[in-house]
Amino acid sequence: MKERFWEIMCAGMPVWGLLFGLCVVFFVFTLLSLYLTSPDEGTYEIMIINIVLIVPMLGVLGYTIRKCRSGDF
């Protein structure tokens, strides 16, 4: 069951790489915007929430890509 799951996940490897790249771009733009925005503005909290959502997504995508490239599943 576990091996079948990883076979299905690794079949979409180009998609995971693309999503990882997009998440990195969004993360960099969010950090840049966070640096340029003052904490008094309402968008500051939204950017913090955005970072809280992007960082775990980067972790999951990075783990999936690493697991598929190594092939030890």
Protein backbone atom coordinates (compact mmCIF):
# COMPACT_ATOMS: atom_id res chain seq x y z
CA MET A 1 0.00 0.00 0.00
CA LYS A 2 2.76 2.42 0.95
CA GLU A 3 4.78 1.60 -2.16
CA ARG A 4 1.72 2.08 -4.37
CA PHE A 5 1.12 5.51 -2.79
CA TRP A 6 4.67 6.62 -3.58
CA GLU A 7 4.44 5.24 -7.11
CA ILE A 8 1.37 7.40 -7.70
CA MET A 9 3.01 10.43 -6.07
CA CYS A 10 6.23 10.04 -8.04
CA ALA A 11 4.33 9.76 -11.31
CA GLY A 12 3.52 13.46 -10.92
CA MET A 13 7.13 14.46 -10.27
CA PRO A 14 7.23 17.31 -12.86
CA VAL A 15 4.19 18.87 -11.19
CA TRP A 16 5.80 18.73 -7.74
CA GLY A 17 8.94 20.42 -9.05
CA LEU A 18 6.88 23.17 -10.67
CA LEU A 19 4.85 23.71 -7.50
CA PHE A 20 8.03 23.82 -5.41
CA GLY A 21 9.49 26.49 -7.69
CA LEU A 22 6.30 28.55 -7.54
CA CYS A 23 6.20 28.29 -3.75
CA VAL A 24 9.80 29.51 -3.54
CA VAL A 25 8.94 32.50 -5.76
CA PHE A 26 5.84 33.29 -3.68
CA PHE A 27 7.88 32.95 -0.48
CA VAL A 28 10.57 35.35 -1.70
CA PHE A 29 7.99 37.89 -2.89
CA THR A 30 6.13 37.65 0.41
CA LEU A 31 9.33 38.20 2.40
CA LEU A 32 10.21 41.19 0.21
CA SER A 33 6.72 42.64 0.67
CA LEU A 34 6.90 41.97 4.40
CA TYR A 35 10.15 43.91 4.57
CA LEU A 36 8.67 46.86 2.67
CA THR A 37 5.38 47.01 4.63
CA SER A 38 4.98 48.55 8.05
CA PRO A 39 3.49 46.39 10.83
CA ASP A 40 0.65 48.91 11.29
CA GLU A 41 -0.96 48.09 7.95
CA GLY A 42 -3.64 45.43 7.57
CA THR A 43 -1.75 43.57 4.85
CA TYR A 44 1.03 42.74 7.30
CA GLU A 45 -1.08 40.10 9.06
CA ILE A 46 -2.15 38.62 5.72
CA MET A 47 1.50 38.26 4.70
CA ILE A 48 2.27 36.51 7.99
CA ILE A 49 -0.59 34.07 7.31
CA ASN A 50 0.77 33.59 3.79
CA ILE A 51 4.19 32.67 5.18
CA VAL A 52 2.59 30.28 7.67
CA LEU A 53 0.90 28.51 4.75
CA ILE A 54 3.87 28.53 2.34
CA VAL A 55 6.55 27.17 4.70
CA PRO A 56 4.82 23.83 5.44
CA MET A 57 3.97 23.48 1.75
CA LEU A 58 7.66 23.90 0.90
CA GLY A 59 8.49 21.24 3.47
CA VAL A 60 5.97 18.75 2.11
CA LEU A 61 6.94 19.35 -1.51
CA GLY A 62 10.65 19.17 -0.68
CA TYR A 63 10.16 15.88 1.17
CA THR A 64 8.11 14.44 -1.70
CA ILE A 65 10.71 15.44 -4.29
CA ARG A 66 13.56 14.06 -2.19
CA LYS A 67 11.71 10.80 -1.56
CA CYS A 68 10.89 10.33 -5.25
CA ARG A 69 14.43 11.11 -6.41
CA SER A 70 16.03 8.74 -3.91
CA GLY A 71 13.58 5.94 -4.65
CA ASP A 72 13.73 4.46 -1.13
CA PHE A 73 10.03 3.88 -0.56
